[in-house]
N, C-alpha and C. Protein backbone atom coordinates (compact mmCIF):
# COMPACT_ATOMS: atom_id res chain seq x y z
N UNK A 1 -25.53 4.19 22.24
CA UNK A 1 -24.50 4.04 21.83
C UNK A 1 -24.05 3.96 20.42
N UNK A 2 -22.76 4.05 20.32
CA UNK A 2 -21.93 4.12 19.00
C UNK A 2 -22.03 3.02 18.11
N UNK A 3 -22.56 3.35 16.85
CA UNK A 3 -22.34 2.06 15.85
C UNK A 3 -21.10 2.79 15.29
N UNK A 4 -20.32 1.09 14.97
CA UNK A 4 -18.86 1.20 14.82
C UNK A 4 -18.50 0.73 13.25
N UNK A 5 -18.09 1.15 12.86
CA UNK A 5 -17.35 0.54 11.31
C UNK A 5 -16.04 0.09 11.65
N UNK A 6 -15.53 -1.38 10.94
CA UNK A 6 -13.93 -1.91 11.52
C UNK A 6 -13.64 -1.48 9.71
N UNK A 7 -11.93 -0.91 10.25
CA UNK A 7 -11.25 -1.00 8.90
C UNK A 7 -10.16 -2.03 9.00
N UNK A 8 -9.76 -2.66 8.24
CA UNK A 8 -8.41 -3.65 8.54
C UNK A 8 -7.90 -3.69 6.94
N UNK A 9 -6.63 -3.83 7.00
CA UNK A 9 -5.87 -4.04 6.06
C UNK A 9 -4.12 -4.63 6.27
N UNK A 10 -3.86 -5.35 4.79
CA UNK A 10 -2.87 -5.92 5.17
C UNK A 10 -2.13 -5.85 3.72
N UNK A 11 -1.14 -5.48 3.88
CA UNK A 11 -0.02 -5.47 2.44
C UNK A 11 -0.10 -6.76 1.47
N UNK A 12 -0.16 -7.96 2.09
CA UNK A 12 0.41 -9.11 0.80
C UNK A 12 -0.86 -9.78 1.09
N UNK A 13 -1.12 -11.14 0.23
CA UNK A 13 -1.68 -11.81 0.01
C UNK A 13 -1.05 -13.05 1.26
N UNK A 14 -0.22 -13.01 1.20
CA UNK A 14 0.22 -13.72 2.27
C UNK A 14 -0.10 -13.70 4.20
N UNK A 15 -0.54 -12.57 3.85
CA UNK A 15 -1.03 -12.26 5.54
C UNK A 15 -2.34 -12.04 5.62
N UNK A 16 -2.78 -11.88 6.62
CA UNK A 16 -4.18 -12.08 7.29
C UNK A 16 -4.89 -11.12 7.84
N UNK A 17 -5.66 -10.23 7.59
CA UNK A 17 -6.59 -9.28 9.02
C UNK A 17 -7.13 -10.10 10.08
N UNK A 18 -7.43 -11.19 10.23
CA UNK A 18 -8.34 -11.86 11.02
C UNK A 18 -7.31 -11.61 12.30
N UNK A 19 -6.28 -11.41 12.68
CA UNK A 19 -5.56 -10.74 13.82
C UNK A 19 -6.48 -9.54 14.37
N UNK A 20 -6.18 -8.80 13.53
CA UNK A 20 -6.91 -7.43 13.34
C UNK A 20 -8.51 -7.29 14.09
N UNK A 21 -8.99 -8.18 12.94
CA UNK A 21 -10.48 -7.87 13.18
C UNK A 21 -11.03 -8.91 15.00
N UNK A 22 -9.97 -10.03 15.44
CA UNK A 22 -10.47 -10.42 16.45
C UNK A 22 -10.21 -9.11 17.67
N UNK A 23 -9.25 -8.41 17.70
CA UNK A 23 -9.13 -7.56 18.34
C UNK A 23 -9.97 -6.30 18.46
N UNK A 24 -10.52 -6.28 17.25
CA UNK A 24 -11.38 -4.96 17.04
C UNK A 24 -12.79 -5.34 17.71
N UNK A 25 -13.33 -6.88 17.05
CA UNK A 25 -14.65 -6.98 17.90
C UNK A 25 -14.50 -7.22 19.18
N UNK A 26 -13.36 -7.44 20.14
CA UNK A 26 -12.99 -7.51 21.51
C UNK A 26 -13.57 -5.99 22.10
N UNK A 27 -12.50 -5.09 21.44
CA UNK A 27 -12.62 -3.65 21.88
C UNK A 27 -14.34 -3.05 21.42
N UNK A 28 -14.52 -3.41 20.64
CA UNK A 28 -16.06 -2.91 20.09
C UNK A 28 -17.19 -3.86 21.53
N UNK A 29 -16.89 -5.09 22.03
CA UNK A 29 -17.58 -5.61 22.83
C UNK A 29 -17.71 -4.83 24.44
N UNK A 30 -15.85 -4.83 24.61
CA UNK A 30 -15.64 -4.25 26.15
C UNK A 30 -16.16 -2.78 25.91
N UNK A 31 -16.31 -1.98 24.75
CA UNK A 31 -16.94 -0.52 24.96
C UNK A 31 -18.29 -0.46 25.00
N UNK A 32 -19.03 -1.59 24.39
CA UNK A 32 -20.39 -1.66 24.02
C UNK A 32 -20.71 -1.19 22.46
N UNK A 33 -19.50 -0.93 22.03
CA UNK A 33 -20.39 -0.27 20.39
C UNK A 33 -20.85 -1.60 19.92
N UNK A 34 -22.09 -1.16 19.22
CA UNK A 34 -22.61 -1.60 17.82
C UNK A 34 -21.71 -1.97 16.99
N UNK A 35 -21.23 -3.10 16.04
CA UNK A 35 -20.30 -2.91 14.77
C UNK A 35 -21.57 -3.04 13.77
N UNK A 36 -21.34 -2.22 12.88
CA UNK A 36 -22.56 -2.32 11.87
C UNK A 36 -21.80 -2.95 10.63
N UNK A 37 -20.54 -2.60 10.25
CA UNK A 37 -20.07 -3.68 9.23
C UNK A 37 -18.46 -3.38 9.33
N UNK A 38 -17.69 -4.43 8.53
CA UNK A 38 -16.63 -4.40 8.84
C UNK A 38 -16.01 -4.06 7.15
N UNK A 39 -14.89 -3.41 6.96
CA UNK A 39 -14.04 -3.38 5.50
C UNK A 39 -12.84 -3.87 5.64
N UNK A 40 -12.57 -4.52 4.65
CA UNK A 40 -11.09 -5.54 4.58
C UNK A 40 -10.27 -5.20 3.18
N UNK A 41 -8.96 -4.83 3.09
CA UNK A 41 -8.43 -4.64 1.94
C UNK A 41 -7.05 -5.46 2.74
N UNK A 42 -7.30 -6.55 1.73
CA UNK A 42 -5.88 -7.43 1.52
C UNK A 42 -5.02 -7.72 0.21
N UNK A 43 -3.90 -7.46 0.95
CA UNK A 43 -3.08 -7.54 -0.50
C UNK A 43 -2.84 -5.79 -1.10
N UNK A 44 -3.19 -4.82 0.02
CA UNK A 44 -3.17 -3.88 -0.90
C UNK A 44 -2.19 -2.76 0.00
N UNK A 45 -1.07 -2.85 -0.71
CA UNK A 45 -0.45 -1.46 0.02
C UNK A 45 -1.06 -0.11 0.38
N UNK A 46 -0.56 0.38 1.63
CA UNK A 46 -1.20 1.64 2.13
C UNK A 46 -0.65 3.01 1.50
N UNK A 47 -0.09 2.63 0.63
CA UNK A 47 0.34 4.14 0.31
C UNK A 47 -0.92 4.60 -1.12
N UNK A 48 -1.33 3.45 -1.16
CA UNK A 48 -2.71 3.03 -2.18
C UNK A 48 -3.32 4.13 -2.03
N UNK A 49 -3.80 4.85 -3.08
CA UNK A 49 -5.49 6.10 -2.75
C UNK A 49 -6.40 5.30 -2.43
N UNK A 50 -7.29 6.29 -2.23
CA UNK A 50 -8.85 5.32 -1.91
C UNK A 50 -9.00 4.71 -3.38
N UNK A 51 -9.17 5.17 -4.63
CA UNK A 51 -9.74 4.33 -5.29
C UNK A 51 -9.24 3.17 -5.72
N UNK A 52 -8.12 2.73 -5.35
CA UNK A 52 -7.13 1.63 -5.44
C UNK A 52 -7.47 0.42 -4.54
N UNK A 53 -8.14 0.75 -3.59
CA UNK A 53 -8.16 0.16 -2.07
C UNK A 53 -10.25 0.46 -2.05
N UNK A 54 -10.84 -0.93 -2.70
CA UNK A 54 -12.18 -1.19 -2.90
C UNK A 54 -12.89 -0.76 -1.70
N UNK A 55 -12.44 -1.85 -0.24
CA UNK A 55 -13.07 -1.46 1.21
C UNK A 55 -12.93 -0.21 1.60
N UNK A 56 -11.87 0.81 1.24
CA UNK A 56 -11.82 2.02 2.21
C UNK A 56 -12.96 2.67 1.26
N UNK A 57 -12.81 2.18 -0.19
CA UNK A 57 -13.41 3.61 -1.00
C UNK A 57 -14.98 3.23 -0.31
N UNK A 58 -15.83 2.13 -0.11
CA UNK A 58 -16.75 1.48 0.60
C UNK A 58 -16.90 2.27 1.28
N UNK A 59 -15.94 2.32 2.50
CA UNK A 59 -15.68 2.48 3.97
C UNK A 59 -16.67 4.13 3.58
N UNK A 60 -15.97 4.67 2.79
CA UNK A 60 -15.72 5.97 3.13
C UNK A 60 -17.10 6.69 2.08
N UNK A 61 -17.65 6.15 1.19
CA UNK A 61 -19.15 6.29 0.45
C UNK A 61 -20.07 5.57 1.63
N UNK A 62 -19.98 4.72 2.62
CA UNK A 62 -20.48 4.88 3.76
C UNK A 62 -20.95 5.20 4.94
N UNK A 63 -19.55 6.27 4.99
CA UNK A 63 -19.37 7.13 5.99
C UNK A 63 -19.93 8.21 5.77
N UNK A 64 -20.49 9.02 3.97
CA UNK A 64 -21.23 10.22 3.31
C UNK A 64 -23.09 9.36 3.96
N UNK A 65 -23.25 8.17 3.52
CA UNK A 65 -24.66 7.93 4.61
C UNK A 65 -24.32 8.21 5.97
N UNK A 66 -23.93 7.94 6.76
CA UNK A 66 -23.80 8.20 8.20
C UNK A 66 -24.00 7.04 8.69
N UNK A 67 -23.83 5.62 8.11
CA UNK A 67 -24.18 4.34 8.60
C UNK A 67 -23.32 4.08 9.56
N UNK A 68 -22.11 4.73 10.61
CA UNK A 68 -22.06 4.96 11.54
C UNK A 68 -21.58 5.96 12.03
N UNK A 69 -20.92 5.66 13.17
CA UNK A 69 -20.66 6.93 14.15
C UNK A 69 -19.07 6.71 14.17
N UNK A 70 -18.18 5.59 14.37
CA UNK A 70 -16.91 5.67 14.85
C UNK A 70 -16.74 4.67 13.25
N UNK A 71 -14.83 4.79 13.35
CA UNK A 71 -13.94 3.81 12.26
C UNK A 71 -13.36 3.29 13.72
N UNK A 72 -12.92 2.21 13.79
CA UNK A 72 -12.28 1.29 14.52
C UNK A 72 -10.78 1.08 13.81
N UNK A 73 -9.91 1.14 14.08
CA UNK A 73 -8.58 0.87 12.56
C UNK A 73 -7.35 0.08 13.79
N UNK A 74 -6.91 -0.54 13.37
CA UNK A 74 -5.74 -1.77 14.23
C UNK A 74 -4.74 -0.39 14.14
N UNK A 75 -4.38 0.25 13.57
CA UNK A 75 -2.87 1.37 13.70
C UNK A 75 -3.22 2.50 12.44
N UNK A 76 -2.58 3.23 13.03
CA UNK A 76 -2.36 4.42 11.80
C UNK A 76 -1.58 4.11 10.29
N UNK A 77 -1.10 3.31 10.49
CA UNK A 77 -0.70 2.65 9.28
C UNK A 77 -1.04 1.81 8.30
N UNK A 78 -2.41 1.21 9.27
CA UNK A 78 -3.53 0.43 8.60
C UNK A 78 -4.28 0.97 7.47
N UNK A 79 -4.34 2.44 7.68
CA UNK A 79 -5.68 3.50 7.36
C UNK A 79 -4.35 4.24 5.96
N UNK A 80 -3.72 4.41 6.39
CA UNK A 80 -2.66 5.22 5.29
C UNK A 80 -0.90 5.17 5.45
N UNK A 81 -0.13 4.99 4.58
CA UNK A 81 0.88 5.45 4.42
C UNK A 81 1.64 6.72 4.16
N UNK A 82 0.64 7.21 3.21
CA UNK A 82 1.40 8.69 2.39
C UNK A 82 0.97 9.25 3.31
N UNK A 83 1.63 10.47 3.51
CA UNK A 83 1.36 11.47 4.30
C UNK A 83 -0.50 11.96 3.68
N UNK A 84 0.04 12.53 2.23
CA UNK A 84 -1.30 13.04 1.32
C UNK A 84 -2.68 12.22 1.84
N UNK A 85 -2.36 10.76 1.94
CA UNK A 85 -3.66 10.27 2.21
C UNK A 85 -3.64 10.15 3.33
N UNK A 86 -3.06 9.91 4.68
CA UNK A 86 -3.09 10.16 5.85
C UNK A 86 -3.90 11.25 6.19
N UNK A 87 -3.51 12.14 5.55
CA UNK A 87 -4.02 13.78 5.87
C UNK A 87 -5.51 13.71 5.55
N UNK A 88 -5.35 13.74 4.39
CA UNK A 88 -6.81 13.80 3.32
C UNK A 88 -7.61 12.89 4.31
N UNK A 89 -7.65 11.88 4.03
CA UNK A 89 -8.57 10.50 4.37
C UNK A 89 -9.33 10.68 5.62
N UNK A 90 -9.12 11.10 7.33
CA UNK A 90 -9.34 11.73 8.30
C UNK A 90 -10.17 12.32 7.93
N UNK A 91 -10.14 13.37 6.69
CA UNK A 91 -11.22 14.61 6.81
C UNK A 91 -12.55 14.84 6.54
N UNK A 92 -12.57 13.56 5.94
CA UNK A 92 -13.92 13.49 5.29
C UNK A 92 -15.01 12.62 6.22
N UNK A 93 -14.54 11.88 7.17
CA UNK A 93 -15.35 11.66 8.17
C UNK A 93 -15.25 12.67 9.07
N UNK A 94 -14.53 13.32 9.19
CA UNK A 94 -14.25 14.24 10.28
C UNK A 94 -15.57 15.11 9.93
N UNK A 95 -15.43 15.62 8.84
CA UNK A 95 -16.70 16.50 8.68
C UNK A 95 -17.76 16.30 8.72
N UNK A 96 -17.74 15.02 8.70
CA UNK A 96 -19.59 13.93 8.84
C UNK A 96 -19.54 13.99 10.43
N UNK A 97 -18.64 13.80 11.28
CA UNK A 97 -18.59 13.94 12.54
C UNK A 97 -18.30 12.86 13.09
N UNK A 98 -17.80 11.76 12.12
CA UNK A 98 -17.63 10.44 11.75
C UNK A 98 -15.84 10.59 12.64
N UNK A 99 -15.43 9.60 14.11
CA UNK A 99 -14.44 9.38 14.66
C UNK A 99 -13.74 8.58 14.30
N UNK A 100 -12.58 8.55 14.65
CA UNK A 100 -11.51 7.94 14.28
C UNK A 100 -10.86 6.87 15.66
N UNK A 101 -10.63 5.99 15.38
CA UNK A 101 -10.22 5.05 16.85
C UNK A 101 -8.87 4.18 16.28
N UNK A 102 -7.65 4.40 16.65
CA UNK A 102 -6.63 3.40 16.23
C UNK A 102 -5.77 2.83 17.71
N UNK A 103 -6.29 1.71 17.80
CA UNK A 103 -5.81 0.53 19.04
C UNK A 103 -4.27 0.66 19.62
N UNK A 104 -3.57 0.80 18.43
CA UNK A 104 -2.12 0.99 18.83
C UNK A 104 -1.62 2.22 19.10
N UNK A 105 -2.23 3.40 18.36
CA UNK A 105 -1.28 4.42 19.45
C UNK A 105 -2.14 4.75 20.41
N UNK A 106 -3.48 4.47 20.81
CA UNK A 106 -4.57 4.84 21.40
C UNK A 106 -4.96 5.98 21.23
N UNK A 107 -5.20 6.58 19.73
CA UNK A 107 -5.79 7.49 19.84
C UNK A 107 -7.41 7.63 19.07
N UNK A 108 -8.22 8.26 19.86
CA UNK A 108 -9.09 8.66 19.54
C UNK A 108 -9.75 10.42 19.01
N UNK A 109 -9.74 9.85 17.67
CA UNK A 109 -10.24 11.60 17.38
C UNK A 109 -11.48 12.42 17.98
N UNK A 110 -12.37 11.79 18.53
CA UNK A 110 -13.45 12.00 19.10
C UNK A 110 -12.81 13.51 20.05
N UNK A 111 -11.81 13.05 20.81
CA UNK A 111 -11.26 14.13 21.78
C UNK A 111 -10.48 15.29 20.98
N UNK A 112 -10.05 16.63 21.51
CA UNK A 112 -9.39 17.60 21.27
C UNK A 112 -7.93 16.96 21.06
N UNK A 113 -7.02 16.68 22.14
CA UNK A 113 -5.65 15.76 22.55
C UNK A 113 -5.92 14.89 21.38
N UNK A 114 -6.67 14.17 21.24
CA UNK A 114 -6.83 12.80 20.33
C UNK A 114 -6.45 13.40 19.01
N UNK A 115 -7.30 14.28 18.74
CA UNK A 115 -6.75 15.40 16.92
C UNK A 115 -5.70 15.88 17.14
N UNK A 116 -5.48 16.41 18.05
CA UNK A 116 -3.77 16.49 18.09
C UNK A 116 -3.14 15.74 17.91
N UNK A 117 -2.52 15.14 18.53
CA UNK A 117 -1.78 14.05 18.56
C UNK A 117 -1.87 13.16 17.31
N UNK A 118 -3.00 13.14 16.70
CA UNK A 118 -3.59 12.21 15.36
C UNK A 118 -2.64 13.19 14.49
N UNK A 119 -2.40 14.62 14.51
CA UNK A 119 -1.67 15.11 13.40
C UNK A 119 -0.48 14.90 13.60
N UNK A 120 0.20 14.94 15.09
CA UNK A 120 1.71 14.64 15.20
C UNK A 120 2.05 13.16 14.56
N UNK A 121 1.57 12.30 14.72
CA UNK A 121 1.71 11.17 14.12
C UNK A 121 1.82 11.18 12.56
N UNK A 122 0.71 12.37 12.01
CA UNK A 122 0.61 11.97 10.56
C UNK A 122 2.08 12.69 10.49
N UNK A 123 2.54 13.68 11.03
CA UNK A 123 4.09 14.14 10.70
C UNK A 123 5.10 13.23 11.07
N UNK A 124 5.10 12.35 12.06
CA UNK A 124 6.17 11.52 12.21
C UNK A 124 6.13 10.08 10.84
N UNK A 125 4.67 10.43 10.36
CA UNK A 125 4.79 8.74 9.48
C UNK A 125 5.21 9.20 8.32
N UNK A 126 5.37 10.75 8.36
CA UNK A 126 5.35 11.25 6.51
C UNK A 126 7.49 11.40 7.12
N UNK A 127 8.05 11.51 7.97
CA UNK A 127 9.50 11.48 8.13
C UNK A 127 10.10 10.34 8.27
N UNK A 128 9.04 9.38 8.91
CA UNK A 128 9.61 7.99 8.58
C UNK A 128 9.66 7.30 7.43
N UNK A 129 8.93 7.71 6.48
CA UNK A 129 8.75 7.53 5.19
C UNK A 129 10.06 8.12 4.28
N UNK A 130 10.64 9.51 4.91
CA UNK A 130 11.56 10.45 4.04
C UNK A 130 13.09 9.73 4.95
N UNK A 131 12.77 9.22 6.12
CA UNK A 131 14.23 8.80 6.31
C UNK A 131 14.56 7.13 5.09
N UNK A 132 13.36 6.16 5.19
CA UNK A 132 13.41 5.65 4.72
C UNK A 132 13.86 5.50 2.83
N UNK A 133 13.36 6.56 2.70
CA UNK A 133 13.46 6.66 0.81
C UNK A 133 15.00 7.23 0.90
N UNK A 134 15.46 8.28 2.11
CA UNK A 134 16.65 8.28 2.19
C UNK A 134 17.94 7.42 2.03
N UNK A 135 17.13 6.45 2.82
CA UNK A 135 18.41 5.56 3.41
C UNK A 135 18.56 4.52 1.61
N UNK A 136 16.96 4.10 0.97
CA UNK A 136 16.91 3.17 -0.32
C UNK A 136 17.72 4.36 -1.29
N UNK A 137 18.07 5.34 -1.27
CA UNK A 137 18.79 6.57 -2.86
C UNK A 137 20.31 6.14 -2.26
N UNK A 138 20.74 6.65 -0.96
CA UNK A 138 22.02 6.10 -0.75
C UNK A 138 22.23 4.96 -1.35
N UNK A 139 21.70 3.96 -0.46
CA UNK A 139 22.36 2.62 -0.81
C UNK A 139 22.55 2.64 -2.41
N UNK A 140 21.79 2.95 -2.74
CA UNK A 140 21.85 2.56 -4.63
C UNK A 140 22.77 3.82 -5.24
N UNK A 141 23.16 4.76 -4.39
CA UNK A 141 24.44 5.86 -5.21
C UNK A 141 25.21 4.98 -5.04
N UNK A 142 25.83 4.34 -3.01
CA UNK A 142 26.48 3.79 -2.81
C UNK A 142 26.90 2.25 -3.98
N UNK A 143 25.91 1.89 -4.33
CA UNK A 143 26.35 0.21 -5.31
C UNK A 143 26.35 0.74 -6.41
N UNK A 144 26.10 2.13 -7.25
CA UNK A 144 26.72 2.83 -8.38
C UNK A 144 27.92 2.95 -8.50
N UNK A 145 27.83 3.82 -7.13
CA UNK A 145 29.55 4.05 -7.02
C UNK A 145 30.79 2.84 -7.26
N UNK A 146 30.09 2.12 -6.73
CA UNK A 146 30.96 0.77 -6.93
C UNK A 146 30.82 -0.48 -7.90
N UNK A 147 30.04 0.40 -9.25
CA UNK A 147 29.65 -0.24 -10.20
C UNK A 147 29.23 -1.03 -10.36
N UNK A 148 27.90 -1.48 -9.03
CA UNK A 148 27.32 -2.91 -9.50
C UNK A 148 26.18 -2.75 -10.07
N UNK A 149 26.03 -3.21 -10.92
CA UNK A 149 24.67 -3.61 -11.68
C UNK A 149 22.90 -3.72 -11.09
N UNK A 150 22.63 -2.61 -11.53
CA UNK A 150 21.20 -2.06 -10.62
C UNK A 150 20.31 -3.07 -11.78
N UNK A 151 18.79 -2.96 -11.06
CA UNK A 151 17.80 -3.60 -12.09
C UNK A 151 18.30 -5.10 -12.48
N UNK A 152 17.45 -5.28 -13.34
CA UNK A 152 17.27 -6.91 -13.32
C UNK A 152 18.11 -7.56 -13.59
N UNK A 153 18.72 -9.36 -13.64
CA UNK A 153 19.85 -9.15 -14.36
C UNK A 153 19.67 -9.23 -15.53
N UNK A 154 20.41 -9.42 -16.82
CA UNK A 154 20.27 -9.69 -17.89
C UNK A 154 20.43 -11.29 -18.00
N UNK A 155 19.63 -11.72 -19.23
CA UNK A 155 19.58 -12.82 -19.16
C UNK A 155 20.78 -13.22 -20.55
N UNK A 156 21.04 -11.81 -21.23
CA UNK A 156 22.05 -11.88 -22.40
C UNK A 156 23.47 -12.91 -21.83
N UNK A 157 23.65 -13.68 -23.17
CA UNK A 157 25.21 -14.00 -23.01
C UNK A 157 25.63 -14.46 -24.12
N UNK A 158 26.86 -15.21 -24.66
CA UNK A 158 27.16 -15.15 -26.01
C UNK A 158 26.12 -16.34 -26.42
N UNK A 159 25.54 -17.44 -25.98
CA UNK A 159 25.32 -17.91 -26.78
C UNK A 159 23.64 -17.66 -27.18
N UNK A 160 22.92 -17.10 -26.58
CA UNK A 160 21.60 -16.51 -26.67
C UNK A 160 21.96 -15.15 -28.00
N UNK A 161 23.16 -14.30 -28.17
CA UNK A 161 23.36 -13.39 -28.91
C UNK A 161 23.25 -14.21 -30.31
N UNK A 162 24.21 -15.35 -30.37
CA UNK A 162 24.65 -15.91 -31.88
C UNK A 162 22.90 -16.82 -31.95
N UNK A 163 22.66 -17.20 -31.54
CA UNK A 163 20.95 -17.50 -31.51
C UNK A 163 20.13 -16.67 -32.42
N UNK A 164 20.04 -15.60 -31.44
CA UNK A 164 19.39 -14.57 -32.20
C UNK A 164 19.91 -13.61 -33.55
N UNK A 165 20.85 -13.91 -33.80
CA UNK A 165 21.94 -13.76 -34.98
C UNK A 165 21.50 -14.63 -36.04
N UNK A 166 21.58 -15.60 -35.58
CA UNK A 166 21.92 -16.54 -36.52
C UNK A 166 20.14 -16.86 -37.00
N UNK A 167 19.14 -16.79 -36.22
CA UNK A 167 17.70 -17.17 -36.49
C UNK A 167 17.12 -15.66 -37.22
N UNK A 168 17.70 -14.49 -37.14
CA UNK A 168 17.83 -13.53 -37.82
C UNK A 168 17.99 -13.53 -39.38
N UNK A 169 19.61 -14.36 -39.38
CA UNK A 169 20.25 -14.34 -40.56
C UNK A 169 19.28 -15.64 -41.45
N UNK A 170 18.36 -16.26 -40.86
CA UNK A 170 17.60 -17.27 -41.51
C UNK A 170 16.75 -16.81 -42.12
N UNK A 171 16.39 -15.07 -41.65
CA UNK A 171 14.88 -14.62 -42.04
C UNK A 171 13.78 -14.71 -41.04
N UNK A 172 14.30 -14.93 -40.25
CA UNK A 172 13.20 -15.08 -39.25
C UNK A 172 12.67 -13.08 -38.03
N UNK A 173 11.85 -13.62 -38.56
CA UNK A 173 11.34 -12.05 -37.75
C UNK A 173 11.33 -11.71 -36.96
N UNK A 174 11.53 -10.17 -36.40
CA UNK A 174 11.83 -10.01 -35.28
C UNK A 174 10.89 -10.51 -33.99
N UNK A 175 9.65 -10.57 -33.83
CA UNK A 175 8.51 -10.95 -32.91
C UNK A 175 9.31 -12.54 -32.89
N UNK A 176 8.82 -13.44 -33.89
CA UNK A 176 9.27 -15.03 -33.91
C UNK A 176 10.09 -14.69 -33.46
N UNK A 177 11.74 -14.26 -33.52
CA UNK A 177 12.65 -14.68 -32.80
C UNK A 177 12.74 -14.44 -31.56
N UNK A 178 12.54 -13.48 -30.96
CA UNK A 178 12.08 -12.83 -29.64
C UNK A 178 11.17 -14.37 -28.46
N UNK A 179 9.98 -14.46 -29.59
CA UNK A 179 9.57 -15.88 -28.89
C UNK A 179 10.14 -16.73 -28.53
N UNK A 180 10.86 -17.11 -29.96
CA UNK A 180 11.51 -18.58 -29.71
C UNK A 180 12.77 -18.50 -28.87
N UNK A 181 13.76 -17.14 -28.87
CA UNK A 181 14.99 -16.78 -27.45
C UNK A 181 14.11 -16.45 -26.04
N UNK A 182 12.95 -16.46 -26.25
CA UNK A 182 12.56 -15.98 -24.81
C UNK A 182 13.18 -14.91 -24.68
N UNK A 183 13.01 -13.89 -25.02
CA UNK A 183 13.59 -13.00 -24.61
C UNK A 183 12.49 -11.61 -25.11
N UNK A 184 12.77 -10.37 -25.26
CA UNK A 184 11.94 -9.54 -25.59
C UNK A 184 12.39 -8.66 -27.02
N UNK A 185 11.24 -8.01 -27.62
CA UNK A 185 11.38 -7.50 -28.96
C UNK A 185 12.59 -6.25 -28.60
N UNK A 186 12.64 -5.82 -27.77
CA UNK A 186 14.04 -4.89 -27.68
C UNK A 186 15.24 -5.49 -27.58
N UNK A 187 15.42 -6.88 -27.10
CA UNK A 187 16.31 -7.41 -26.97
C UNK A 187 16.90 -7.94 -28.23
N UNK A 188 16.15 -8.64 -28.74
CA UNK A 188 16.70 -8.82 -30.16
C UNK A 188 17.14 -7.64 -31.16
N UNK A 189 16.21 -6.40 -31.08
CA UNK A 189 16.69 -5.27 -31.66
C UNK A 189 17.96 -4.71 -31.19
N UNK A 190 18.51 -4.51 -29.95
CA UNK A 190 20.15 -4.44 -29.51
C UNK A 190 20.75 -5.28 -29.65
N UNK A 191 20.45 -6.81 -30.15
CA UNK A 191 21.51 -7.50 -30.26
C UNK A 191 21.91 -7.46 -32.21
N UNK A 192 20.84 -6.91 -32.72
CA UNK A 192 20.92 -6.98 -33.84
C UNK A 192 21.22 -5.64 -34.69
């Protein structure tokens, strides 16, 4: 009987891993796996590395101790979003003969075809990420060409400028001036 670890992750605190966990438990029961432990990262991007994802880090440490034989994950993107993480993460468990099973893609790295398909999905994930990045950059370039202001909207208006200048003329220090006007120190410097 295979000893199973479950890994679940969602990107924001507004989401829950409960749906993933319910499905994982059902699959484990159908397949006759014994669930040894569950690792859950909530509110953490898949782009973050192992050191920034506590549950993933704990899972990898448990893998080195051979506490389980297989890791069940909802989808490849729940494990990692960046290609570097996607390629590096499975190497460690696989070197210890711990298999990965991805429900959504139907991949099981305990088979040769599963390992091959996983490597193809890694390349597709990188491709998708690069397409998204290219679209974002194209949108930013289009906005810049139309002279659209990028970034955070400025709080600066004539009334605020006058207030900063008046307080400075009265001898108020930079830090206190910034605090009084509700702006950053750099803003005060730019006005005076």
